[in-house]
PDB file of N, CA and C in Angstrom:
ATOM      1  N   MET A   1     -18.742   5.067  21.636  1.00  0.00           N
ATOM      2  CA  MET A   1     -17.929   4.494  20.280  1.00  0.00           C
ATOM      3  C   MET A   1     -17.576   3.111  19.773  1.00  0.00           C
ATOM      4  N   VAL A   2     -17.498   2.886  19.047  1.00  0.00           N
ATOM      5  CA  VAL A   2     -17.495   1.847  18.363  1.00  0.00           C
ATOM      6  C   VAL A   2     -15.860   1.686  18.107  1.00  0.00           C
ATOM      7  N   SER A   3     -15.139   0.418  18.630  1.00  0.00           N
ATOM      8  CA  SER A   3     -13.945   0.146  18.444  1.00  0.00           C
ATOM      9  C   SER A   3     -13.451  -0.255  16.872  1.00  0.00           C
ATOM     10  N   LYS A   4     -12.175  -0.111  16.652  1.00  0.00           N
ATOM     11  CA  LYS A   4     -11.986   0.049  15.252  1.00  0.00           C
ATOM     12  C   LYS A   4     -11.892  -1.874  14.719  1.00  0.00           C
ATOM     13  N   VAL A   5     -11.815  -3.026  16.028  1.00  0.00           N
ATOM     14  CA  VAL A   5     -12.133  -3.870  15.729  1.00  0.00           C
ATOM     15  C   VAL A   5     -13.250  -4.824  15.563  1.00  0.00           C
ATOM     16  N   ASP A   6     -14.204  -3.683  16.521  1.00  0.00           N
ATOM     17  CA  ASP A   6     -15.842  -4.073  16.204  1.00  0.00           C
ATOM     18  C   ASP A   6     -16.261  -3.875  15.212  1.00  0.00           C
ATOM     19  N   LYS A   7     -15.778  -2.336  14.457  1.00  0.00           N
ATOM     20  CA  LYS A   7     -16.208  -2.105  13.092  1.00  0.00           C
ATOM     21  C   LYS A   7     -15.803  -3.246  12.282  1.00  0.00           C
ATOM     22  N   ASP A   8     -14.271  -3.639  12.279  1.00  0.00           N
ATOM     23  CA  ASP A   8     -13.966  -4.714  11.392  1.00  0.00           C
ATOM     24  C   ASP A   8     -14.788  -5.957  11.277  1.00  0.00           C
ATOM     25  N   ILE A   9     -15.207  -6.622  12.509  1.00  0.00           N
ATOM     26  CA  ILE A   9     -15.779  -7.533  12.522  1.00  0.00           C
ATOM     27  C   ILE A   9     -17.269  -7.572  12.102  1.00  0.00           C
ATOM     28  N   GLN A  10     -17.885  -6.464  12.198  1.00  0.00           N
ATOM     29  CA  GLN A  10     -19.031  -6.165  11.410  1.00  0.00           C
ATOM     30  C   GLN A  10     -19.126  -5.796  10.047  1.00  0.00           C
ATOM     31  N   VAL A  11     -17.952  -5.553   9.397  1.00  0.00           N
ATOM     32  CA  VAL A  11     -17.792  -5.557   8.331  1.00  0.00           C
ATOM     33  C   VAL A  11     -17.639  -7.436   7.543  1.00  0.00           C
ATOM     34  N   LEU A  12     -16.775  -8.077   8.547  1.00  0.00           N
ATOM     35  CA  LEU A  12     -17.090  -9.235   8.071  1.00  0.00           C
ATOM     36  C   LEU A  12     -18.050 -10.110   8.202  1.00  0.00           C
ATOM     37  N   ARG A  13     -18.767  -9.747   9.267  1.00  0.00           N
ATOM     38  CA  ARG A  13     -20.331 -10.272   9.340  1.00  0.00           C
ATOM     39  C   ARG A  13     -21.255 -10.009   8.138  1.00  0.00           C
ATOM     40  N   ASP A  14     -20.910  -8.489   7.929  1.00  0.00           N
ATOM     41  CA  ASP A  14     -21.688  -8.241   6.800  1.00  0.00           C
ATOM     42  C   ASP A  14     -21.557  -9.066   5.196  1.00  0.00           C
ATOM     43  N   PHE A  15     -20.221  -9.009   4.973  1.00  0.00           N
ATOM     44  CA  PHE A  15     -19.871  -9.664   3.917  1.00  0.00           C
ATOM     45  C   PHE A  15     -20.026 -11.082   3.967  1.00  0.00           C
ATOM     46  N   ILE A  16     -19.699 -11.932   4.831  1.00  0.00           N
ATOM     47  CA  ILE A  16     -19.871 -13.704   5.178  1.00  0.00           C
ATOM     48  C   ILE A  16     -21.720 -13.445   4.814  1.00  0.00           C
ATOM     49  N   GLN A  17     -22.290 -12.838   5.405  1.00  0.00           N
ATOM     50  CA  GLN A  17     -23.633 -12.587   5.569  1.00  0.00           C
ATOM     51  C   GLN A  17     -24.485 -12.883   4.029  1.00  0.00           C
ATOM     52  N   ILE A  18     -23.945 -11.713   3.334  1.00  0.00           N
ATOM     53  CA  ILE A  18     -24.311 -11.831   1.834  1.00  0.00           C
ATOM     54  C   ILE A  18     -23.796 -12.745   1.278  1.00  0.00           C
ATOM     55  N   TYR A  19     -22.678 -13.327   1.164  1.00  0.00           N
ATOM     56  CA  TYR A  19     -22.047 -14.447   0.903  1.00  0.00           C
ATOM     57  C   TYR A  19     -22.844 -15.867   0.787  1.00  0.00           C
ATOM     58  N   CYS A  20     -23.055 -15.956   2.132  1.00  0.00           N
ATOM     59  CA  CYS A  20     -24.153 -17.273   2.404  1.00  0.00           C
ATOM     60  C   CYS A  20     -25.235 -17.209   1.901  1.00  0.00           C
ATOM     61  N   ASP A  21     -25.942 -15.759   1.785  1.00  0.00           N
ATOM     62  CA  ASP A  21     -27.474 -15.545   1.388  1.00  0.00           C
ATOM     63  C   ASP A  21     -27.210 -15.501   0.067  1.00  0.00           C
ATOM     64  N   THR A  22     -26.154 -15.645  -0.738  1.00  0.00           N
ATOM     65  CA  THR A  22     -26.325 -15.570  -2.472  1.00  0.00           C
ATOM     66  C   THR A  22     -25.447 -17.205  -2.833  1.00  0.00           C
ATOM     67  N   LYS A  23     -24.694 -17.771  -1.892  1.00  0.00           N
ATOM     68  CA  LYS A  23     -24.211 -19.150  -2.471  1.00  0.00           C
ATOM     69  C   LYS A  23     -24.784 -19.950  -1.760  1.00  0.00           C
ATOM     70  N   HIS A  24     -25.102 -20.073  -0.494  1.00  0.00           N
ATOM     71  CA  HIS A  24     -26.054 -20.896   0.259  1.00  0.00           C
ATOM     72  C   HIS A  24     -27.149 -21.261   0.277  1.00  0.00           C
ATOM     73  N   LYS A  25     -27.801 -20.337  -0.764  1.00  0.00           N
ATOM     74  CA  LYS A  25     -29.216 -20.518  -0.721  1.00  0.00           C
ATOM     75  C   LYS A  25     -30.083 -21.861   0.110  1.00  0.00           C
ATOM     76  N   SER A  26     -29.693 -22.560  -0.557  1.00  0.00           N
ATOM     77  CA  SER A  26     -30.291 -24.074  -0.193  1.00  0.00           C
ATOM     78  C   SER A  26     -30.296 -25.063   1.145  1.00  0.00           C
ATOM     79  N   LEU A  27     -29.049 -24.438   1.436  1.00  0.00           N
ATOM     80  CA  LEU A  27     -28.310 -24.903   2.949  1.00  0.00           C
ATOM     81  C   LEU A  27     -29.033 -24.589   4.249  1.00  0.00           C
ATOM     82  N   GLU A  28     -29.283 -25.358   5.039  1.00  0.00           N
ATOM     83  CA  GLU A  28     -30.026 -24.950   6.447  1.00  0.00           C
ATOM     84  C   GLU A  28     -29.136 -23.625   7.163  1.00  0.00           C
ATOM     85  N   LYS A  29     -29.874 -22.773   7.313  1.00  0.00           N
ATOM     86  CA  LYS A  29     -29.374 -21.717   8.192  1.00  0.00           C
ATOM     87  C   LYS A  29     -29.614 -21.967   9.737  1.00  0.00           C
ATOM     88  N   ILE A  30     -28.717 -21.510  10.489  1.00  0.00           N
ATOM     89  CA  ILE A  30     -28.642 -21.645  12.078  1.00  0.00           C
ATOM     90  C   ILE A  30     -28.873 -20.132  12.398  1.00  0.00           C
ATOM     91  N   ASP A  31     -29.401 -19.899  13.624  1.00  0.00           N
ATOM     92  CA  ASP A  31     -29.283 -18.797  13.825  1.00  0.00           C
ATOM     93  C   ASP A  31     -28.532 -18.738  15.538  1.00  0.00           C
ATOM     94  N   GLU A  32     -27.474 -18.024  14.923  1.00  0.00           N
ATOM     95  CA  GLU A  32     -26.400 -18.108  16.287  1.00  0.00           C
ATOM     96  C   GLU A  32     -26.120 -16.540  16.426  1.00  0.00           C
ATOM     97  N   ASN A  33     -26.991 -16.010  18.034  1.00  0.00           N
ATOM     98  CA  ASN A  33     -26.591 -14.227  18.026  1.00  0.00           C
ATOM     99  C   ASN A  33     -27.316 -13.799  17.116  1.00  0.00           C
ATOM    100  N   GLY A  34     -28.029 -13.925  16.406  1.00  0.00           N
ATOM    101  CA  GLY A  34     -29.045 -12.974  15.167  1.00  0.00           C
ATOM    102  C   GLY A  34     -28.856 -13.031  14.129  1.00  0.00           C
ATOM    103  N   ILE A  35     -27.579 -14.103  13.986  1.00  0.00           N
ATOM    104  CA  ILE A  35     -26.816 -14.203  12.762  1.00  0.00           C
ATOM    105  C   ILE A  35     -26.951 -15.154  12.144  1.00  0.00           C
ATOM    106  N   LYS A  36     -27.918 -15.687  10.758  1.00  0.00           N
ATOM    107  CA  LYS A  36     -28.525 -16.662   9.917  1.00  0.00           C
ATOM    108  C   LYS A  36     -27.717 -17.188   8.803  1.00  0.00           C
ATOM    109  N   LEU A  37     -26.718 -18.416   9.531  1.00  0.00           N
ATOM    110  CA  LEU A  37     -25.584 -18.807   8.575  1.00  0.00           C
ATOM    111  C   LEU A  37     -25.618 -20.067   8.298  1.00  0.00           C
ATOM    112  N   CYS A  38     -25.396 -20.608   7.373  1.00  0.00           N
ATOM    113  CA  CYS A  38     -25.160 -22.228   7.219  1.00  0.00           C
ATOM    114  C   CYS A  38     -23.776 -22.626   8.485  1.00  0.00           C
ATOM    115  N   ILE A  39     -23.559 -23.519   8.512  1.00  0.00           N
ATOM    116  CA  ILE A  39     -22.521 -24.311   9.475  1.00  0.00           C
ATOM    117  C   ILE A  39     -20.966 -23.763   9.110  1.00  0.00           C
ATOM    118  N   GLU A  40     -20.930 -23.796   7.374  1.00  0.00           N
ATOM    119  CA  GLU A  40     -19.664 -23.607   7.192  1.00  0.00           C
ATOM    120  C   GLU A  40     -19.620 -21.888   7.114  1.00  0.00           C
ATOM    121  N   CYS A  41     -20.371 -21.097   6.765  1.00  0.00           N
ATOM    122  CA  CYS A  41     -20.298 -19.773   7.187  1.00  0.00           C
ATOM    123  C   CYS A  41     -20.006 -19.545   8.532  1.00  0.00           C
ATOM    124  N   HIS A  42     -20.852 -20.221   9.469  1.00  0.00           N
ATOM    125  CA  HIS A  42     -20.568 -19.736  10.648  1.00  0.00           C
ATOM    126  C   HIS A  42     -19.111 -20.074  11.019  1.00  0.00           C
ATOM    127  N   GLU A  43     -18.693 -21.187  10.813  1.00  0.00           N
ATOM    128  CA  GLU A  43     -17.295 -21.782  10.894  1.00  0.00           C
ATOM    129  C   GLU A  43     -16.426 -20.127  10.253  1.00  0.00           C
ATOM    130  N   THR A  44     -16.564 -20.138   8.994  1.00  0.00           N
ATOM    131  CA  THR A  44     -15.501 -19.375   8.684  1.00  0.00           C
ATOM    132  C   THR A  44     -15.633 -17.662   9.737  1.00  0.00           C
ATOM    133  N   LEU A  45     -16.796 -17.313  10.127  1.00  0.00           N
ATOM    134  CA  LEU A  45     -17.030 -16.366  10.589  1.00  0.00           C
ATOM    135  C   LEU A  45     -16.374 -16.059  12.183  1.00  0.00           C
ATOM    136  N   ARG A  46     -16.470 -17.189  12.338  1.00  0.00           N
ATOM    137  CA  ARG A  46     -15.540 -17.606  13.792  1.00  0.00           C
ATOM    138  C   ARG A  46     -14.200 -17.297  13.833  1.00  0.00           C
ATOM    139  N   TYR A  47     -13.497 -18.006  12.648  1.00  0.00           N
ATOM    140  CA  TYR A  47     -12.341 -18.318  12.459  1.00  0.00           C
ATOM    141  C   TYR A  47     -11.934 -17.118  12.206  1.00  0.00           C
ATOM    142  N   SER A  48     -12.711 -15.713  11.272  1.00  0.00           N
ATOM    143  CA  SER A  48     -12.096 -14.578  10.722  1.00  0.00           C
ATOM    144  C   SER A  48     -12.418 -13.479  12.145  1.00  0.00           C
ATOM    145  N   THR A  49     -13.052 -13.654  12.741  1.00  0.00           N
ATOM    146  CA  THR A  49     -13.413 -12.654  14.167  1.00  0.00           C
ATOM    147  C   THR A  49     -12.408 -13.033  14.904  1.00  0.00           C
ATOM    148  N   TRP A  50     -11.995 -14.180  15.206  1.00  0.00           N
ATOM    149  CA  TRP A  50     -10.937 -14.497  16.255  1.00  0.00           C
ATOM    150  C   TRP A  50      -9.585 -14.167  15.480  1.00  0.00           C
ATOM    151  N   ARG A  51      -9.188 -14.569  14.376  1.00  0.00           N
ATOM    152  CA  ARG A  51      -8.083 -13.788  13.491  1.00  0.00           C
ATOM    153  C   ARG A  51      -7.893 -12.191  13.583  1.00  0.00           C
ATOM    154  N   ARG A  52      -9.250 -11.657  13.776  1.00  0.00           N
ATOM    155  CA  ARG A  52      -9.417 -10.222  13.750  1.00  0.00           C
ATOM    156  C   ARG A  52      -8.972  -9.950  14.972  1.00  0.00           C
ATOM    157  N   GLU A  53      -9.443 -10.599  16.525  1.00  0.00           N
ATOM    158  CA  GLU A  53      -9.563  -9.877  17.752  1.00  0.00           C
ATOM    159  C   GLU A  53      -7.598 -10.132  18.116  1.00  0.00           C
ATOM    160  N   VAL A  54      -6.797 -10.901  17.527  1.00  0.00           N
ATOM    161  CA  VAL A  54      -5.772 -11.366  17.901  1.00  0.00           C
ATOM    162  C   VAL A  54      -4.986 -10.744  17.110  1.00  0.00           C
ATOM    163  N   CYS A  55      -5.161 -10.042  16.171  1.00  0.00           N
ATOM    164  CA  CYS A  55      -4.023  -9.083  14.877  1.00  0.00           C
ATOM    165  C   CYS A  55      -3.129  -8.483  15.882  1.00  0.00           C
ATOM    166  N   PRO A  56      -1.979  -8.669  15.842  1.00  0.00           N
ATOM    167  CA  PRO A  56      -1.003  -7.839  16.385  1.00  0.00           C
ATOM    168  C   PRO A  56      -0.333  -6.539  15.834  1.00  0.00           C
ATOM    169  N   GLN A  57      -1.133  -6.345  14.270  1.00  0.00           N
ATOM    170  CA  GLN A  57      -0.730  -5.183  13.686  1.00  0.00           C
ATOM    171  C   GLN A  57      -1.726  -3.817  14.434  1.00  0.00           C
ATOM    172  N   ASP A  58      -1.103  -2.890  14.492  1.00  0.00           N
ATOM    173  CA  ASP A  58      -1.490  -1.755  15.167  1.00  0.00           C
ATOM    174  C   ASP A  58      -1.169  -0.720  14.448  1.00  0.00           C
ATOM    175  N   PRO A  59      -1.436   0.205  13.526  1.00  0.00           N
ATOM    176  CA  PRO A  59      -2.748   0.314  13.414  1.00  0.00           C
ATOM    177  C   PRO A  59      -2.709  -1.248  12.192  1.00  0.00           C
ATOM    178  N   LYS A  60      -3.771  -1.838  11.994  1.00  0.00           N
ATOM    179  CA  LYS A  60      -4.096  -3.012  11.357  1.00  0.00           C
ATOM    180  C   LYS A  60      -4.033  -2.782   9.490  1.00  0.00           C
ATOM    181  N   PRO A  61      -2.989  -3.386   9.454  1.00  0.00           N
ATOM    182  CA  PRO A  61      -3.495  -3.003   7.539  1.00  0.00           C
ATOM    183  C   PRO A  61      -4.696  -3.977   6.864  1.00  0.00           C
ATOM    184  N   THR A  62      -4.841  -4.138   5.837  1.00  0.00           N
ATOM    185  CA  THR A  62      -6.034  -5.213   5.264  1.00  0.00           C
ATOM    186  C   THR A  62      -5.239  -6.107   5.280  1.00  0.00           C
ATOM    187  N   CYS A  63      -5.998  -7.473   4.791  1.00  0.00           N
ATOM    188  CA  CYS A  63      -5.134  -8.698   4.971  1.00  0.00           C
ATOM    189  C   CYS A  63      -4.321  -8.673   3.835  1.00  0.00           C
ATOM    190  N   LYS A  64      -5.055  -8.096   2.773  1.00  0.00           N
ATOM    191  CA  LYS A  64      -4.144  -8.303   1.468  1.00  0.00           C
ATOM    192  C   LYS A  64      -3.010  -7.543   1.510  1.00  0.00           C
ATOM    193  N   ASN A  65      -2.595  -6.495   2.401  1.00  0.00           N
ATOM    194  CA  ASN A  65      -1.346  -5.908   2.566  1.00  0.00           C
ATOM    195  C   ASN A  65      -0.845  -6.382   3.469  1.00  0.00           C
ATOM    196  N   CYS A  66      -1.116  -7.211   4.059  1.00  0.00           N
ATOM    197  CA  CYS A  66       0.055  -7.518   5.761  1.00  0.00           C
ATOM    198  C   CYS A  66       1.110  -8.312   5.032  1.00  0.00           C
ATOM    199  N   GLU A  67       1.919  -8.343   5.825  1.00  0.00           N
ATOM    200  CA  GLU A  67       3.510  -8.904   5.445  1.00  0.00           C
ATOM    201  C   GLU A  67       3.049 -10.323   6.359  1.00  0.00           C
ATOM    202  N   ILE A  68       2.570 -10.938   7.361  1.00  0.00           N
ATOM    203  CA  ILE A  68       2.151 -11.589   8.628  1.00  0.00           C
ATOM    204  C   ILE A  68       1.539 -12.818   7.712  1.00  0.00           C
ATOM    205  N   HIS A  69       0.390 -12.495   7.534  1.00  0.00           N
ATOM    206  CA  HIS A  69      -0.829 -13.454   6.779  1.00  0.00           C
ATOM    207  C   HIS A  69      -0.870 -14.472   7.906  1.00  0.00           C
ATOM    208  N   CYS A  70      -1.613 -14.261   8.719  1.00  0.00           N
ATOM    209  CA  CYS A  70      -2.017 -15.025   9.779  1.00  0.00           C
ATOM    210  C   CYS A  70      -2.996 -15.978   9.466  1.00  0.00           C
ATOM    211  N   TYR A  71      -4.074 -15.965   8.412  1.00  0.00           N
ATOM    212  CA  TYR A  71      -4.952 -16.914   8.147  1.00  0.00           C
ATOM    213  C   TYR A  71      -4.052 -17.837   7.582  1.00  0.00           C
ATOM    214  N   LEU A  72      -4.860 -19.314   7.753  1.00  0.00           N
ATOM    215  CA  LEU A  72      -4.262 -20.765   7.400  1.00  0.00           C
ATOM    216  C   LEU A  72      -4.783 -20.558   5.682  1.00  0.00           C
ATOM    217  N   PRO A  73      -3.821 -21.291   4.890  1.00  0.00           N
ATOM    218  CA  PRO A  73      -4.219 -20.959   3.595  1.00  0.00           C
ATOM    219  C   PRO A  73      -5.661 -21.515   2.793  1.00  0.00           C
ATOM    220  N   ASP A  74      -6.452 -22.290   3.582  1.00  0.00           N
ATOM    221  CA  ASP A  74      -7.468 -22.599   3.361  1.00  0.00           C
ATOM    222  C   ASP A  74      -8.588 -21.332   3.498  1.00  0.00           C
ATOM    223  N   GLN A  75      -8.171 -21.164   4.557  1.00  0.00           N
ATOM    224  CA  GLN A  75      -8.965 -19.703   5.264  1.00  0.00           C
ATOM    225  C   GLN A  75      -9.052 -18.489   3.957  1.00  0.00           C
ATOM    226  N   ARG A  76      -7.732 -18.234   4.260  1.00  0.00           N
ATOM    227  CA  ARG A  76      -7.361 -17.199   3.802  1.00  0.00           C
ATOM    228  C   ARG A  76      -8.003 -17.478   2.117  1.00  0.00           C
ATOM    229  N   ALA A  77      -7.943 -18.271   1.010  1.00  0.00           N
ATOM    230  CA  ALA A  77      -8.912 -18.170   0.012  1.00  0.00           C
ATOM    231  C   ALA A  77      -9.808 -18.582   0.270  1.00  0.00           C
ATOM    232  N   LYS A  78     -10.647 -18.958   1.256  1.00  0.00           N
ATOM    233  CA  LYS A  78     -12.115 -18.315   1.547  1.00  0.00           C
ATOM    234  C   LYS A  78     -12.704 -16.870   1.716  1.00  0.00           C
ATOM    235  N   ILE A  79     -12.187 -16.333   2.385  1.00  0.00           N
ATOM    236  CA  ILE A  79     -12.334 -15.252   3.174  1.00  0.00           C
ATOM    237  C   ILE A  79     -11.970 -14.524   1.785  1.00  0.00           C
ATOM    238  N   LYS A  80     -11.176 -14.361   0.939  1.00  0.00           N
ATOM    239  CA  LYS A  80     -10.816 -14.066   0.008  1.00  0.00           C
ATOM    240  C   LYS A  80     -11.778 -13.685  -1.436  1.00  0.00           C
ATOM    241  N   ASP A  81     -12.223 -14.952  -1.568  1.00  0.00           N
ATOM    242  CA  ASP A  81     -13.444 -15.412  -1.947  1.00  0.00           C
ATOM    243  C   ASP A  81     -14.510 -14.975  -1.774  1.00  0.00           C
ATOM    244  N   ILE A  82     -14.972 -14.971  -0.604  1.00  0.00           N
ATOM    245  CA  ILE A  82     -15.901 -14.288   0.255  1.00  0.00           C
ATOM    246  C   ILE A  82     -15.889 -12.385  -0.149  1.00  0.00           C
ATOM    247  N   MET A  83     -14.893 -12.039   0.092  1.00  0.00           N
ATOM    248  CA  MET A  83     -14.846 -10.696   0.313  1.00  0.00           C
ATOM    249  C   MET A  83     -14.962 -10.296  -1.684  1.00  0.00           C
ATOM    250  N   ARG A  84     -14.313 -11.256  -2.295  1.00  0.00           N
ATOM    251  CA  ARG A  84     -14.507 -10.545  -3.782  1.00  0.00           C
ATOM    252  C   ARG A  84     -16.159 -10.876  -4.214  1.00  0.00           C
ATOM    253  N   HIS A  85     -16.801 -11.793  -3.824  1.00  0.00           N
ATOM    254  CA  HIS A  85     -18.153 -12.027  -4.247  1.00  0.00           C
ATOM    255  C   HIS A  85     -19.176 -11.020  -3.299  1.00  0.00           C
ATOM    256  N   SER A  86     -18.878 -10.707  -2.186  1.00  0.00           N
ATOM    257  CA  SER A  86     -19.747  -9.698  -1.797  1.00  0.00           C
ATOM    258  C   SER A  86     -19.174  -8.626  -2.067  1.00  0.00           C
ATOM    259  N   GLY A  87     -18.237  -8.028  -2.353  1.00  0.00           N
ATOM    260  CA  GLY A  87     -17.828  -6.767  -2.826  1.00  0.00           C
ATOM    261  C   GLY A  87     -18.285  -6.292  -4.117  1.00  0.00           C
ATOM    262  N   MET A  88     -18.204  -7.252  -4.943  1.00  0.00           N
ATOM    263  CA  MET A  88     -19.100  -7.319  -6.729  1.00  0.00           C
ATOM    264  C   MET A  88     -20.741  -6.604  -6.249  1.00  0.00           C
ATOM    265  N   LEU A  89     -21.152  -7.496  -5.282  1.00  0.00           N
ATOM    266  CA  LEU A  89     -22.613  -7.192  -5.006  1.00  0.00           C
ATOM    267  C   LEU A  89     -22.842  -5.944  -4.138  1.00  0.00           C
ATOM    268  N   LEU A  90     -21.980  -5.556  -3.430  1.00  0.00           N
ATOM    269  CA  LEU A  90     -22.282  -4.334  -2.842  1.00  0.00           C
ATOM    270  C   LEU A  90     -22.010  -2.993  -3.854  1.00  0.00           C
ATOM    271  N   ILE A  91     -21.008  -3.428  -4.554  1.00  0.00           N
ATOM    272  CA  ILE A  91     -21.151  -2.319  -6.119  1.00  0.00           C
ATOM    273  C   ILE A  91     -22.317  -2.150  -6.463  1.00  0.00           C
ATOM    274  N   LYS A  92     -22.687  -3.234  -6.895  1.00  0.00           N
ATOM    275  CA  LYS A  92     -24.108  -3.133  -7.550  1.00  0.00           C
ATOM    276  C   LYS A  92     -25.469  -2.281  -6.624  1.00  0.00           C
ATOM    277  N   ARG A  93     -25.243  -2.646  -5.429  1.00  0.00           N
ATOM    278  CA  ARG A  93     -26.471  -2.314  -4.839  1.00  0.00           C
ATOM    279  C   ARG A  93     -25.781  -0.899  -4.195  1.00  0.00           C
ATOM    280  N   GLY A  94     -24.917  -0.440  -4.329  1.00  0.00           N
ATOM    281  CA  GLY A  94     -24.457   0.751  -4.183  1.00  0.00           C
ATOM    282  C   GLY A  94     -23.651   1.171  -2.911  1.00  0.00           C
ATOM    283  N   ARG A  95     -23.634   0.095  -2.001  1.00  0.00           N
ATOM    284  CA  ARG A  95     -22.938   0.294  -1.105  1.00  0.00           C
ATOM    285  C   ARG A  95     -21.649   0.528  -0.772  1.00  0.00           C
ATOM    286  N   ILE A  96     -21.007   1.321  -1.465  1.00  0.00           N
ATOM    287  CA  ILE A  96     -19.612   1.826  -1.248  1.00  0.00           C
ATOM    288  C   ILE A  96     -18.907   2.022  -0.047  1.00  0.00           C
ATOM    289  N   ASP A  97     -19.713   2.544   1.378  1.00  0.00           N
ATOM    290  CA  ASP A  97     -19.137   2.959   2.376  1.00  0.00           C
ATOM    291  C   ASP A  97     -18.812   1.092   2.838  1.00  0.00           C
ATOM    292  N   LEU A  98     -19.073   0.451   2.598  1.00  0.00           N
ATOM    293  CA  LEU A  98     -18.450  -1.207   3.120  1.00  0.00           C
ATOM    294  C   LEU A  98     -17.117  -1.505   2.014  1.00  0.00           C
ATOM    295  N   LEU A  99     -17.259  -0.786   1.246  1.00  0.00           N
ATOM    296  CA  LEU A  99     -15.935  -0.883   0.434  1.00  0.00           C
ATOM    297  C   LEU A  99     -14.723  -0.567   0.616  1.00  0.00           C
ATOM    298  N   LEU A 100     -14.966   0.829   0.790  1.00  0.00           N
ATOM    299  CA  LEU A 100     -14.309   1.801   1.143  1.00  0.00           C
ATOM    300  C   LEU A 100     -13.457   1.634   2.675  1.00  0.00           C
ATOM    301  N   HIS A 101     -14.160   0.731   3.687  1.00  0.00           N
ATOM    302  CA  HIS A 101     -13.793   0.267   4.078  1.00  0.00           C
ATOM    303  C   HIS A 101     -12.734  -0.870   4.154  1.00  0.00           C
ATOM    304  N   TYR A 102     -13.081  -1.620   3.330  1.00  0.00           N
ATOM    305  CA  TYR A 102     -12.528  -3.086   2.740  1.00  0.00           C
ATOM    306  C   TYR A 102     -10.869  -3.089   1.994  1.00  0.00           C
ATOM    307  N   PHE A 103     -10.761  -1.745   0.908  1.00  0.00           N
ATOM    308  CA  PHE A 103      -9.908  -1.207   0.413  1.00  0.00           C
ATOM    309  C   PHE A 103      -9.241  -0.262   1.415  1.00  0.00           C
ATOM    310  N   PHE A 104      -9.411   0.360   2.318  1.00  0.00           N
ATOM    311  CA  PHE A 104      -8.881   1.612   2.712  1.00  0.00           C
ATOM    312  C   PHE A 104      -8.564   1.496   4.159  1.00  0.00           C
TER     313      PHE A 104
END
């Protein structure tokens, strides 16, 4: 059985992958653990994964509804941009399942 943390991290990977594939097409991609992202997106994924793994909330609220805001301000702005961009593409592609996870 997949844990809630693992599921959240997979959603982060999916959103960041979509963002990198569409926004950073011309940048060199690095394959790390089977995930091909540019350096900036790999760093964002590492940071987001770490923040999710150490989240003190149980059950974890969505980050936008959390009172703690454990992300640094620049990282928070970056992940909001990634979620907004990727979310719109997922709606267009019909991947409502990932959006439901994000919003609920």
